[in-house]
Amino acid sequence: MTTTLLLELFGGFAGACFALWLATQTLPSPNFALLAPLQRLKPVLLAYLQRPGMVASAGLLLLRLSIGVMMIHHGQEKLADPQQFADTYVASLHLPFPLFFAYAAGFSELIGSWLVIFGLFTPLGALALTGTMATAAYQHILTAGLNIYVLELVVLYLGGSLALLLNGPGRFSFDAGMAGEMFSELEPGTPAQETGNQAGNASGWVGPAGSLPTPVQINV
């Protein structure tokens, strides 16, 4: 992968993230009565996305950068000549539509790498990398047996992406920041919560916080 192409990919992804952030600033307040069930999952989600300890989060950041940066060019190489990858690797797995799976592997590695690097939707990115590396490990074992020299790089990528999938992105990630912001808005008594309740009352629906709204019939 050339430096110019790498910079273009980084610029495009950063621009997409900025556009997504701008879009979220103009969206109306959500219906917090419908989002209230997420409060039950708050401890689990925050424990996964905001692992305690700055040192551990720094380690996860280094792991994300190492796995993501090194995996980008693998996806780019597959997309540069998907037919060659399909004939060389996918065909040996006897899968239907080898060209489709070649594109799927290339995009999974390319997009999944950027998601892991930024810590944005990290479970999806890590799952995409884990799936492609598990398939690659199976293909290597199928064609070359338990050859350590063939498997070592694939196993390193597989272990790193699986560790990110199981442990989360750490505190230095977009996921951790967005989760904290989302749950802070869901807290009772916050301005966003009050705005959501007022919007619900104005629409003709009333009900206690944290429950589904019920219709009210007004006799004139």
C-alpha atoms as a PDB file:
ATOM      1  CA  MET A   1       0.000   0.000   0.000  1.00  0.00           C
ATOM      2  CA  THR A   2       1.428   3.349  -1.023  1.00  0.00           C
ATOM      3  CA  THR A   3       1.620   6.299   1.347  1.00  0.00           C
ATOM      4  CA  THR A   4      -0.718   8.336  -0.869  1.00  0.00           C
ATOM      5  CA  LEU A   5      -3.388   5.643  -0.816  1.00  0.00           C
ATOM      6  CA  LEU A   6      -3.029   5.247   2.942  1.00  0.00           C
ATOM      7  CA  LEU A   7      -3.496   8.990   3.446  1.00  0.00           C
ATOM      8  CA  GLU A   8      -6.540   8.977   1.135  1.00  0.00           C
ATOM      9  CA  LEU A   9      -8.131   6.154   3.109  1.00  0.00           C
ATOM     10  CA  PHE A  10      -7.414   7.881   6.407  1.00  0.00           C
ATOM     11  CA  GLY A  11      -8.816  11.176   5.129  1.00  0.00           C
ATOM     12  CA  GLY A  12     -11.973   9.515   3.830  1.00  0.00           C
ATOM     13  CA  PHE A  13     -12.584   7.675   7.092  1.00  0.00           C
ATOM     14  CA  ALA A  14     -11.912  10.786   9.187  1.00  0.00           C
ATOM     15  CA  GLY A  15     -14.277  12.792   6.969  1.00  0.00           C
ATOM     16  CA  ALA A  16     -16.985  10.168   7.400  1.00  0.00           C
ATOM     17  CA  CYS A  17     -16.572  10.262  11.185  1.00  0.00           C
ATOM     18  CA  PHE A  18     -16.801  14.068  11.173  1.00  0.00           C
ATOM     19  CA  ALA A  19     -19.940  13.974   9.006  1.00  0.00           C
ATOM     20  CA  LEU A  20     -21.484  11.425  11.376  1.00  0.00           C
ATOM     21  CA  TRP A  21     -20.708  13.667  14.345  1.00  0.00           C
ATOM     22  CA  LEU A  22     -22.277  16.685  12.617  1.00  0.00           C
ATOM     23  CA  ALA A  23     -25.385  14.661  11.834  1.00  0.00           C
ATOM     24  CA  THR A  24     -25.796  13.626  15.468  1.00  0.00           C
ATOM     25  CA  GLN A  25     -25.680  17.275  16.570  1.00  0.00           C
ATOM     26  CA  THR A  26     -28.751  18.122  14.473  1.00  0.00           C
ATOM     27  CA  LEU A  27     -30.889  15.095  15.369  1.00  0.00           C
ATOM     28  CA  PRO A  28     -33.858  15.638  17.711  1.00  0.00           C
ATOM     29  CA  SER A  29     -33.778  14.266  21.239  1.00  0.00           C
ATOM     30  CA  PRO A  30     -34.639  10.553  21.323  1.00  0.00           C
ATOM     31  CA  ASN A  31     -37.652   9.144  23.123  1.00  0.00           C
ATOM     32  CA  PHE A  32     -36.053   8.282  26.445  1.00  0.00           C
ATOM     33  CA  ALA A  33     -39.017   6.177  27.522  1.00  0.00           C
ATOM     34  CA  LEU A  34     -38.091   3.738  24.753  1.00  0.00           C
ATOM     35  CA  LEU A  35     -34.373   3.871  25.572  1.00  0.00           C
ATOM     36  CA  ALA A  36     -34.914   3.349  29.303  1.00  0.00           C
ATOM     37  CA  PRO A  37     -34.402  -0.466  29.094  1.00  0.00           C
ATOM     38  CA  LEU A  38     -30.770   0.240  28.146  1.00  0.00           C
ATOM     39  CA  GLN A  39     -30.234   1.339  31.741  1.00  0.00           C
ATOM     40  CA  ARG A  40     -30.383  -2.314  32.765  1.00  0.00           C
ATOM     41  CA  LEU A  41     -27.414  -3.050  30.496  1.00  0.00           C
ATOM     42  CA  LYS A  42     -25.433  -0.015  31.630  1.00  0.00           C
ATOM     43  CA  PRO A  43     -23.074  -1.835  34.058  1.00  0.00           C
ATOM     44  CA  VAL A  44     -22.304  -4.561  31.523  1.00  0.00           C
ATOM     45  CA  LEU A  45     -21.742  -2.194  28.587  1.00  0.00           C
ATOM     46  CA  LEU A  46     -19.609   0.250  30.558  1.00  0.00           C
ATOM     47  CA  ALA A  47     -17.554  -2.592  32.027  1.00  0.00           C
ATOM     48  CA  TYR A  48     -16.869  -3.817  28.489  1.00  0.00           C
ATOM     49  CA  LEU A  49     -16.252  -0.441  26.821  1.00  0.00           C
ATOM     50  CA  GLN A  50     -14.508   1.341  29.722  1.00  0.00           C
ATOM     51  CA  ARG A  51     -12.184  -1.184  31.275  1.00  0.00           C
ATOM     52  CA  PRO A  52     -10.743   0.157  34.555  1.00  0.00           C
ATOM     53  CA  GLY A  53      -7.105   1.147  34.582  1.00  0.00           C
ATOM     54  CA  MET A  54      -5.263   3.596  32.381  1.00  0.00           C
ATOM     55  CA  VAL A  55      -2.323   1.238  31.895  1.00  0.00           C
ATOM     56  CA  ALA A  56      -4.589  -1.564  30.673  1.00  0.00           C
ATOM     57  CA  SER A  57      -6.378   0.859  28.332  1.00  0.00           C
ATOM     58  CA  ALA A  58      -3.019   2.024  26.970  1.00  0.00           C
ATOM     59  CA  GLY A  59      -2.137  -1.606  26.290  1.00  0.00           C
ATOM     60  CA  LEU A  60      -5.410  -2.133  24.446  1.00  0.00           C
ATOM     61  CA  LEU A  61      -4.745   1.024  22.425  1.00  0.00           C
ATOM     62  CA  LEU A  62      -1.323  -0.281  21.365  1.00  0.00           C
ATOM     63  CA  LEU A  63      -2.885  -3.628  20.460  1.00  0.00           C
ATOM     64  CA  ARG A  64      -5.587  -1.926  18.401  1.00  0.00           C
ATOM     65  CA  LEU A  65      -3.063   0.190  16.530  1.00  0.00           C
ATOM     66  CA  SER A  66      -0.734  -2.763  15.906  1.00  0.00           C
ATOM     67  CA  ILE A  67      -3.434  -5.109  14.628  1.00  0.00           C
ATOM     68  CA  GLY A  68      -5.314  -2.443  12.664  1.00  0.00           C
ATOM     69  CA  VAL A  69      -2.335  -0.827  10.907  1.00  0.00           C
ATOM     70  CA  MET A  70      -0.776  -4.150   9.953  1.00  0.00           C
ATOM     71  CA  MET A  71      -4.057  -5.581   8.642  1.00  0.00           C
ATOM     72  CA  ILE A  72      -4.958  -2.683   6.348  1.00  0.00           C
ATOM     73  CA  HIS A  73      -2.640  -3.659   3.516  1.00  0.00           C
ATOM     74  CA  HIS A  74      -3.921  -7.256   3.548  1.00  0.00           C
ATOM     75  CA  GLY A  75      -7.422  -6.018   2.775  1.00  0.00           C
ATOM     76  CA  GLN A  76      -6.129  -3.595   0.163  1.00  0.00           C
ATOM     77  CA  GLU A  77      -4.166  -6.371  -1.588  1.00  0.00           C
ATOM     78  CA  LYS A  78      -7.247  -8.600  -1.758  1.00  0.00           C
ATOM     79  CA  LEU A  79      -9.356  -5.805  -3.250  1.00  0.00           C
ATOM     80  CA  ALA A  80      -6.619  -4.906  -5.744  1.00  0.00           C
ATOM     81  CA  ASP A  81      -6.992  -8.323  -7.433  1.00  0.00           C
ATOM     82  CA  PRO A  82      -9.995 -10.170  -5.974  1.00  0.00           C
ATOM     83  CA  GLN A  83     -10.112 -12.729  -8.781  1.00  0.00           C
ATOM     84  CA  GLN A  84      -6.549 -13.868  -8.087  1.00  0.00           C
ATOM     85  CA  PHE A  85      -7.311 -14.199  -4.355  1.00  0.00           C
ATOM     86  CA  ALA A  86     -10.490 -16.109  -5.129  1.00  0.00           C
ATOM     87  CA  ASP A  87      -8.672 -18.566  -7.411  1.00  0.00           C
ATOM     88  CA  THR A  88      -5.696 -19.039  -5.070  1.00  0.00           C
ATOM     89  CA  TYR A  89      -7.264 -19.177  -1.603  1.00  0.00           C
ATOM     90  CA  VAL A  90     -11.075 -19.217  -1.635  1.00  0.00           C
ATOM     91  CA  ALA A  91     -11.314 -21.968  -4.251  1.00  0.00           C
ATOM     92  CA  SER A  92      -9.324 -24.318  -2.009  1.00  0.00           C
ATOM     93  CA  LEU A  93     -12.080 -24.028   0.615  1.00  0.00           C
ATOM     94  CA  HIS A  94     -14.672 -25.260  -1.927  1.00  0.00           C
ATOM     95  CA  LEU A  95     -17.000 -22.380  -1.068  1.00  0.00           C
ATOM     96  CA  PRO A  96     -19.676 -21.232  -3.529  1.00  0.00           C
ATOM     97  CA  PHE A  97     -19.259 -17.841  -5.194  1.00  0.00           C
ATOM     98  CA  PRO A  98     -15.502 -17.507  -4.479  1.00  0.00           C
ATOM     99  CA  LEU A  99     -15.330 -14.002  -5.948  1.00  0.00           C
ATOM    100  CA  PHE A 100     -18.027 -12.805  -3.536  1.00  0.00           C
ATOM    101  CA  PHE A 101     -16.116 -14.187  -0.555  1.00  0.00           C
ATOM    102  CA  ALA A 102     -12.917 -12.611  -1.864  1.00  0.00           C
ATOM    103  CA  TYR A 103     -14.587  -9.185  -1.804  1.00  0.00           C
ATOM    104  CA  ALA A 104     -16.112  -9.945   1.602  1.00  0.00           C
ATOM    105  CA  ALA A 105     -12.695 -10.829   3.041  1.00  0.00           C
ATOM    106  CA  GLY A 106     -11.065  -7.728   1.561  1.00  0.00           C
ATOM    107  CA  PHE A 107     -13.685  -5.291   2.830  1.00  0.00           C
ATOM    108  CA  SER A 108     -13.832  -7.029   6.223  1.00  0.00           C
ATOM    109  CA  GLU A 109     -10.103  -6.555   6.696  1.00  0.00           C
ATOM    110  CA  LEU A 110      -9.999  -3.017   5.329  1.00  0.00           C
ATOM    111  CA  ILE A 111     -13.035  -1.586   7.141  1.00  0.00           C
ATOM    112  CA  GLY A 112     -12.523  -3.715  10.234  1.00  0.00           C
ATOM    113  CA  SER A 113      -8.955  -2.420  10.566  1.00  0.00           C
ATOM    114  CA  TRP A 114     -10.084   1.229  10.586  1.00  0.00           C
ATOM    115  CA  LEU A 115     -12.836   0.490  13.118  1.00  0.00           C
ATOM    116  CA  VAL A 116     -10.313  -1.206  15.399  1.00  0.00           C
ATOM    117  CA  ILE A 117      -7.784   1.616  15.031  1.00  0.00           C
ATOM    118  CA  PHE A 118     -10.261   4.327  16.016  1.00  0.00           C
ATOM    119  CA  GLY A 119     -12.077   2.199  18.566  1.00  0.00           C
ATOM    120  CA  LEU A 120     -15.355   2.897  16.769  1.00  0.00           C
ATOM    121  CA  PHE A 121     -17.832  -0.007  16.830  1.00  0.00           C
ATOM    122  CA  THR A 122     -14.839  -2.051  17.939  1.00  0.00           C
ATOM    123  CA  PRO A 123     -16.729  -5.337  18.494  1.00  0.00           C
ATOM    124  CA  LEU A 124     -17.865  -5.304  14.852  1.00  0.00           C
ATOM    125  CA  GLY A 125     -14.374  -4.509  13.565  1.00  0.00           C
ATOM    126  CA  ALA A 126     -12.728  -7.101  15.798  1.00  0.00           C
ATOM    127  CA  LEU A 127     -15.338  -9.695  14.828  1.00  0.00           C
ATOM    128  CA  ALA A 128     -14.677  -9.048  11.127  1.00  0.00           C
ATOM    129  CA  LEU A 129     -10.915  -9.499  11.596  1.00  0.00           C
ATOM    130  CA  THR A 130     -11.405 -12.564  13.794  1.00  0.00           C
ATOM    131  CA  GLY A 131     -13.635 -14.184  11.165  1.00  0.00           C
ATOM    132  CA  THR A 132     -11.219 -13.613   8.299  1.00  0.00           C
ATOM    133  CA  MET A 133      -8.207 -14.776  10.316  1.00  0.00           C
ATOM    134  CA  ALA A 134     -10.016 -17.892  11.564  1.00  0.00           C
ATOM    135  CA  THR A 135     -10.908 -18.730   7.958  1.00  0.00           C
ATOM    136  CA  ALA A 136      -7.310 -18.081   6.871  1.00  0.00           C
ATOM    137  CA  ALA A 137      -5.991 -20.364   9.632  1.00  0.00           C
ATOM    138  CA  TYR A 138      -8.371 -23.118   8.528  1.00  0.00           C
ATOM    139  CA  GLN A 139      -7.286 -22.689   4.909  1.00  0.00           C
ATOM    140  CA  HIS A 140      -3.597 -22.917   5.838  1.00  0.00           C
ATOM    141  CA  ILE A 141      -4.164 -26.055   7.921  1.00  0.00           C
ATOM    142  CA  LEU A 142      -6.233 -27.585   5.129  1.00  0.00           C
ATOM    143  CA  THR A 143      -3.567 -26.997   2.479  1.00  0.00           C
ATOM    144  CA  ALA A 144      -0.260 -27.119   4.409  1.00  0.00           C
ATOM    145  CA  GLY A 145      -1.059 -28.912   7.641  1.00  0.00           C
ATOM    146  CA  LEU A 146       0.170 -27.710  11.033  1.00  0.00           C
ATOM    147  CA  ASN A 147       3.122 -25.794   9.596  1.00  0.00           C
ATOM    148  CA  ILE A 148       4.239 -23.264  12.189  1.00  0.00           C
ATOM    149  CA  TYR A 149       5.999 -21.090   9.624  1.00  0.00           C
ATOM    150  CA  VAL A 150       2.773 -20.726   7.654  1.00  0.00           C
ATOM    151  CA  LEU A 151       0.469 -20.349  10.650  1.00  0.00           C
ATOM    152  CA  GLU A 152       2.473 -18.048  12.937  1.00  0.00           C
ATOM    153  CA  LEU A 153       1.417 -14.702  11.389  1.00  0.00           C
ATOM    154  CA  VAL A 154      -2.223 -15.742  11.030  1.00  0.00           C
ATOM    155  CA  VAL A 155      -2.349 -16.955  14.634  1.00  0.00           C
ATOM    156  CA  LEU A 156      -0.859 -13.679  15.881  1.00  0.00           C
ATOM    157  CA  TYR A 157      -3.509 -11.664  14.045  1.00  0.00           C
ATOM    158  CA  LEU A 158      -6.237 -14.060  15.185  1.00  0.00           C
ATOM    159  CA  GLY A 159      -5.142 -13.903  18.815  1.00  0.00           C
ATOM    160  CA  GLY A 160      -4.911 -10.104  18.797  1.00  0.00           C
ATOM    161  CA  SER A 161      -8.294  -9.532  17.174  1.00  0.00           C
ATOM    162  CA  LEU A 162      -9.948 -12.122  19.424  1.00  0.00           C
ATOM    163  CA  ALA A 163      -8.431 -10.445  22.497  1.00  0.00           C
ATOM    164  CA  LEU A 164      -9.933  -7.108  21.400  1.00  0.00           C
ATOM    165  CA  LEU A 165     -13.298  -8.758  20.802  1.00  0.00           C
ATOM    166  CA  LEU A 166     -13.356 -10.280  24.285  1.00  0.00           C
ATOM    167  CA  ASN A 167     -11.793  -7.416  26.271  1.00  0.00           C
ATOM    168  CA  GLY A 168     -13.225  -4.360  24.512  1.00  0.00           C
ATOM    169  CA  PRO A 169     -11.476  -1.281  23.110  1.00  0.00           C
ATOM    170  CA  GLY A 170     -10.387   0.337  26.381  1.00  0.00           C
ATOM    171  CA  ARG A 171     -10.916   3.901  27.554  1.00  0.00           C
ATOM    172  CA  PHE A 172      -8.925   5.485  24.702  1.00  0.00           C
ATOM    173  CA  SER A 173     -11.586   4.862  22.066  1.00  0.00           C
ATOM    174  CA  PHE A 174     -14.624   6.454  20.469  1.00  0.00           C
ATOM    175  CA  ASP A 175     -16.791   3.658  21.862  1.00  0.00           C
ATOM    176  CA  ALA A 176     -15.894   4.468  25.466  1.00  0.00           C
ATOM    177  CA  GLY A 177     -16.578   8.181  25.000  1.00  0.00           C
ATOM    178  CA  MET A 178     -19.877   7.668  23.208  1.00  0.00           C
ATOM    179  CA  ALA A 179     -21.105   5.136  25.786  1.00  0.00           C
ATOM    180  CA  GLY A 180     -20.420   7.494  28.663  1.00  0.00           C
ATOM    181  CA  GLU A 181     -22.185  10.354  26.892  1.00  0.00           C
ATOM    182  CA  MET A 182     -25.200   8.227  25.966  1.00  0.00           C
ATOM    183  CA  PHE A 183     -25.755   6.891  29.466  1.00  0.00           C
ATOM    184  CA  SER A 184     -25.240  10.308  31.041  1.00  0.00           C
ATOM    185  CA  GLU A 185     -28.097  11.620  28.878  1.00  0.00           C
ATOM    186  CA  LEU A 186     -30.283   8.718  29.969  1.00  0.00           C
ATOM    187  CA  GLU A 187     -29.872   9.607  33.653  1.00  0.00           C
ATOM    188  CA  PRO A 188     -33.138  10.905  35.194  1.00  0.00           C
ATOM    189  CA  GLY A 189     -33.283  14.643  35.698  1.00  0.00           C
ATOM    190  CA  THR A 190     -30.789  15.606  32.983  1.00  0.00           C
ATOM    191  CA  PRO A 191     -31.776  18.339  30.494  1.00  0.00           C
ATOM    192  CA  ALA A 192     -31.933  15.811  27.656  1.00  0.00           C
ATOM    193  CA  GLN A 193     -34.162  13.552  29.752  1.00  0.00           C
ATOM    194  CA  GLU A 194     -36.517  16.429  30.568  1.00  0.00           C
ATOM    195  CA  THR A 195     -36.651  17.411  26.900  1.00  0.00           C
ATOM    196  CA  GLY A 196     -37.575  13.868  25.938  1.00  0.00           C
ATOM    197  CA  ASN A 197     -40.309  13.703  28.573  1.00  0.00           C
ATOM    198  CA  GLN A 198     -41.768  17.041  27.481  1.00  0.00           C
ATOM    199  CA  ALA A 199     -41.795  15.858  23.861  1.00  0.00           C
ATOM    200  CA  GLY A 200     -43.592  12.683  24.895  1.00  0.00           C
ATOM    201  CA  ASN A 201     -46.247  14.604  26.854  1.00  0.00           C
ATOM    202  CA  ALA A 202     -46.831  16.999  23.973  1.00  0.00           C
ATOM    203  CA  SER A 203     -47.499  14.059  21.651  1.00  0.00           C
ATOM    204  CA  GLY A 204     -50.391  12.833  23.801  1.00  0.00           C
ATOM    205  CA  TRP A 205     -48.584  10.007  25.578  1.00  0.00           C
ATOM    206  CA  VAL A 206     -47.927   9.961  29.328  1.00  0.00           C
ATOM    207  CA  GLY A 207     -46.359   7.485  31.665  1.00  0.00           C
ATOM    208  CA  PRO A 208     -43.750   7.156  34.411  1.00  0.00           C
ATOM    209  CA  ALA A 209     -40.090   7.319  33.547  1.00  0.00           C
ATOM    210  CA  GLY A 210     -38.651   3.978  32.532  1.00  0.00           C
ATOM    211  CA  SER A 211     -41.987   2.501  31.434  1.00  0.00           C
ATOM    212  CA  LEU A 212     -43.760   2.247  28.132  1.00  0.00           C
ATOM    213  CA  PRO A 213     -46.109   5.177  27.502  1.00  0.00           C
ATOM    214  CA  THR A 214     -49.849   4.573  27.660  1.00  0.00           C
ATOM    215  CA  PRO A 215     -52.525   6.413  25.673  1.00  0.00           C
ATOM    216  CA  VAL A 216     -54.810   8.872  27.454  1.00  0.00           C
ATOM    217  CA  GLN A 217     -58.375   9.490  26.322  1.00  0.00           C
ATOM    218  CA  ILE A 218     -59.575  13.075  26.824  1.00  0.00           C
ATOM    219  CA  ASN A 219     -63.332  13.702  27.040  1.00  0.00           C
ATOM    220  CA  VAL A 220     -64.428  17.144  25.841  1.00  0.00           C
END
